[in-house]
Amino acid sequence: MSRENEHVQNPSPSPSVPRRGAAPMNGEDPNPTRARALLEAPPAGWMETLGARITEAEPGRVVLELIAGPEHRHGGGVVQGGVITQIADAAMGMSLATLQPDRMWNTTIELKINFFRPAIQGRLRAIGRVIDMRQTLLFSEADVFDEHDRLVARASSTCMPVPEGQGRE
């Protein structure tokens, strides 16, 4: 049995938090086409380099997995925190993207991560989910689990929407 939600506190529902399948607060509809495209795209760029892949994608939720091995560990023998942060950040940003309109993306402007236990090898699973979407700020969280479904890290991010192609000057 997965313990993916074991550490999640369930506050009383807030009308400003989009629920699974619900439209974000900025009036945009979920973008299932983008969720499908993310899921079907072959790993490229950093994902190919690290060996990460998207295993689940639906509006407001994206799961990335990585099989951690020696190439992901630092000199102390555990997976380097930047690798764990990378998959958490990507899962959060992609979960937001599934609720953004076509030709809009996002970029992280603030990220916080807490590490709870070291990971040495095996499957790491980052589960990103949307917390809230406003006109100029987007909020998401991710939990990273090891192959035994133990919580390795929890991250939160604030992002800003960015029109496709902008921000590259």
Protein backbone atom coordinates (compact mmCIF):
# COMPACT_ATOMS: atom_id res chain seq x y z
CA MET A 1 0.00 0.00 0.00
CA SER A 2 1.38 3.40 -0.98
CA ARG A 3 2.07 5.88 1.79
CA GLU A 4 2.17 8.83 -0.60
CA ASN A 5 -0.46 10.78 1.34
CA GLU A 6 0.47 9.60 4.83
CA HIS A 7 2.17 12.88 5.72
CA VAL A 8 -0.45 15.18 4.22
CA GLN A 9 -2.62 17.10 6.62
CA ASN A 10 -6.10 17.69 5.29
CA PRO A 11 -7.10 21.22 6.18
CA SER A 12 -10.69 22.24 5.69
CA PRO A 13 -11.36 22.82 1.99
CA SER A 14 -10.67 26.33 0.81
CA PRO A 15 -12.66 27.76 -2.09
CA SER A 16 -9.45 29.30 -3.49
CA VAL A 17 -7.63 25.96 -3.87
CA PRO A 18 -8.30 24.15 -7.14
CA ARG A 19 -9.36 20.56 -6.60
CA ARG A 20 -8.54 17.66 -8.85
CA GLY A 21 -10.37 18.23 -12.10
CA ALA A 22 -11.47 21.74 -11.06
CA ALA A 23 -10.63 24.85 -13.01
CA PRO A 24 -7.93 27.06 -11.51
CA MET A 25 -8.95 30.35 -9.98
CA ASN A 26 -7.65 32.45 -12.87
CA GLY A 27 -10.60 31.33 -14.98
CA GLU A 28 -8.62 29.03 -17.26
CA ASP A 29 -9.80 25.49 -17.89
CA PRO A 30 -7.65 22.47 -17.12
CA ASN A 31 -5.48 21.61 -20.08
CA PRO A 32 -5.77 17.81 -20.56
CA THR A 33 -4.08 18.12 -23.95
CA ARG A 34 -0.95 19.46 -22.26
CA ALA A 35 -1.09 16.75 -19.58
CA ARG A 36 -1.23 14.10 -22.33
CA ALA A 37 1.59 15.78 -24.27
CA LEU A 38 3.82 15.86 -21.17
CA LEU A 39 3.14 12.18 -20.53
CA GLU A 40 3.77 11.13 -24.13
CA ALA A 41 6.91 13.22 -24.75
CA PRO A 42 10.21 11.32 -24.72
CA PRO A 43 12.68 12.46 -22.06
CA ALA A 44 14.90 15.24 -23.39
CA GLY A 45 17.37 17.78 -22.02
CA TRP A 46 17.94 17.51 -18.26
CA MET A 47 15.43 14.64 -17.99
CA GLU A 48 17.42 12.56 -20.44
CA THR A 49 20.69 13.48 -18.72
CA LEU A 50 19.44 12.48 -15.24
CA GLY A 51 17.30 9.57 -16.42
CA ALA A 52 14.01 11.08 -15.20
CA ARG A 53 10.66 10.39 -16.82
CA ILE A 54 7.06 11.47 -16.38
CA THR A 55 4.97 8.50 -15.30
CA GLU A 56 1.63 10.20 -14.59
CA ALA A 57 0.08 13.46 -15.72
CA GLU A 58 -3.42 14.81 -15.24
CA PRO A 59 -4.73 18.33 -14.74
CA GLY A 60 -3.15 19.66 -11.54
CA ARG A 61 -0.92 16.64 -10.81
CA VAL A 62 2.29 15.27 -12.35
CA VAL A 63 4.53 12.40 -11.20
CA LEU A 64 8.20 12.14 -12.18
CA GLU A 65 10.37 9.13 -11.47
CA LEU A 66 14.09 8.60 -11.49
CA ILE A 67 16.07 5.44 -10.81
CA ALA A 68 18.88 6.72 -8.61
CA GLY A 69 22.27 5.11 -8.95
CA PRO A 70 25.95 5.91 -8.44
CA GLU A 71 25.81 8.75 -10.99
CA HIS A 72 23.35 10.62 -8.74
CA ARG A 73 25.33 10.31 -5.48
CA HIS A 74 27.81 12.72 -3.96
CA GLY A 75 31.02 11.76 -2.18
CA GLY A 76 29.13 10.87 1.00
CA GLY A 77 27.33 8.07 -0.82
CA VAL A 78 23.80 9.48 -0.90
CA VAL A 79 21.76 11.02 -3.71
CA GLN A 80 22.79 14.66 -4.07
CA GLY A 81 20.10 17.06 -2.83
CA GLY A 82 20.12 18.96 -6.10
CA VAL A 83 18.94 15.85 -7.96
CA ILE A 84 16.01 15.45 -5.55
CA THR A 85 15.28 19.17 -5.79
CA GLN A 86 15.34 19.01 -9.60
CA ILE A 87 12.68 16.31 -9.85
CA ALA A 88 10.53 18.03 -7.20
CA ASP A 89 10.79 21.41 -8.97
CA ALA A 90 9.93 19.85 -12.32
CA ALA A 91 6.93 17.95 -10.92
CA MET A 92 5.62 21.18 -9.37
CA GLY A 93 6.13 23.28 -12.50
CA MET A 94 4.62 20.66 -14.78
CA SER A 95 1.59 20.22 -12.51
CA LEU A 96 0.97 23.96 -12.86
CA ALA A 97 1.46 23.78 -16.63
CA THR A 98 -1.37 21.25 -16.91
CA LEU A 99 -3.76 23.99 -15.77
CA GLN A 100 -2.28 26.78 -17.90
CA PRO A 101 -3.55 27.68 -21.37
CA ASP A 102 -1.58 26.74 -24.46
CA ARG A 103 1.46 28.96 -25.10
CA MET A 104 1.75 29.81 -21.38
CA TRP A 105 4.31 28.18 -19.10
CA ASN A 106 5.79 29.08 -15.74
CA THR A 107 9.10 29.66 -14.06
CA THR A 108 10.06 29.16 -10.43
CA ILE A 109 10.69 32.35 -8.49
CA GLU A 110 10.94 30.76 -5.03
CA LEU A 111 11.52 27.19 -3.90
CA LYS A 112 11.78 25.62 -0.47
CA ILE A 113 12.62 22.01 0.24
CA ASN A 114 12.95 19.95 3.41
CA PHE A 115 14.85 16.67 3.36
CA PHE A 116 13.66 13.99 5.79
CA ARG A 117 15.91 11.04 5.02
CA PRO A 118 18.77 10.22 2.67
CA ALA A 119 18.24 8.24 -0.50
CA ILE A 120 21.02 5.98 -1.75
CA GLN A 121 19.64 4.17 -4.77
CA GLY A 122 16.46 2.93 -6.40
CA ARG A 123 13.29 4.60 -7.57
CA LEU A 124 12.60 8.16 -6.48
CA ARG A 125 9.10 9.43 -7.17
CA ALA A 126 8.24 13.15 -7.12
CA ILE A 127 4.51 13.90 -6.93
CA GLY A 128 3.74 17.50 -7.85
CA ARG A 129 0.37 19.10 -7.22
CA VAL A 130 -1.19 22.51 -7.65
CA ILE A 131 -2.07 24.39 -4.48
CA ASP A 132 -3.42 27.66 -5.91
CA MET A 133 -3.24 29.70 -9.10
CA ARG A 134 -3.60 33.47 -9.11
CA GLN A 135 -3.20 35.92 -11.96
CA THR A 136 0.49 36.63 -11.35
CA LEU A 137 1.56 33.92 -8.87
CA LEU A 138 1.18 30.15 -8.96
CA PHE A 139 1.69 27.84 -5.97
CA SER A 140 2.52 24.14 -5.91
CA GLU A 141 3.97 21.42 -3.70
CA ALA A 142 5.75 18.13 -4.25
CA ASP A 143 6.57 15.12 -2.12
CA VAL A 144 9.47 12.86 -3.05
CA PHE A 145 9.29 9.20 -2.00
CA ASP A 146 11.88 6.43 -2.13
CA GLU A 147 11.31 2.91 -3.46
CA HIS A 148 9.87 1.90 -0.06
CA ASP A 149 7.27 4.72 -0.22
CA ARG A 150 9.05 6.62 2.55
CA LEU A 151 8.96 10.41 2.41
CA VAL A 152 12.42 11.67 1.40
CA ALA A 153 11.62 15.35 0.85
CA ARG A 154 8.80 17.86 0.66
CA ALA A 155 9.03 20.99 -1.49
CA SER A 156 6.91 24.04 -2.16
CA SER A 157 7.29 26.61 -4.89
CA THR A 158 6.00 29.92 -6.06
CA CYS A 159 6.05 30.40 -9.81
CA MET A 160 5.09 33.12 -12.22
CA PRO A 161 3.35 32.59 -15.56
CA VAL A 162 5.54 33.16 -18.59
CA PRO A 163 4.31 33.36 -22.21
CA GLU A 164 6.03 30.76 -24.39
CA GLY A 165 9.27 32.11 -25.83
CA GLN A 166 9.62 35.02 -23.41
CA GLY A 167 12.32 35.26 -20.78
CA ARG A 168 15.06 34.17 -23.16
CA GLU A 169 16.47 37.59 -23.97
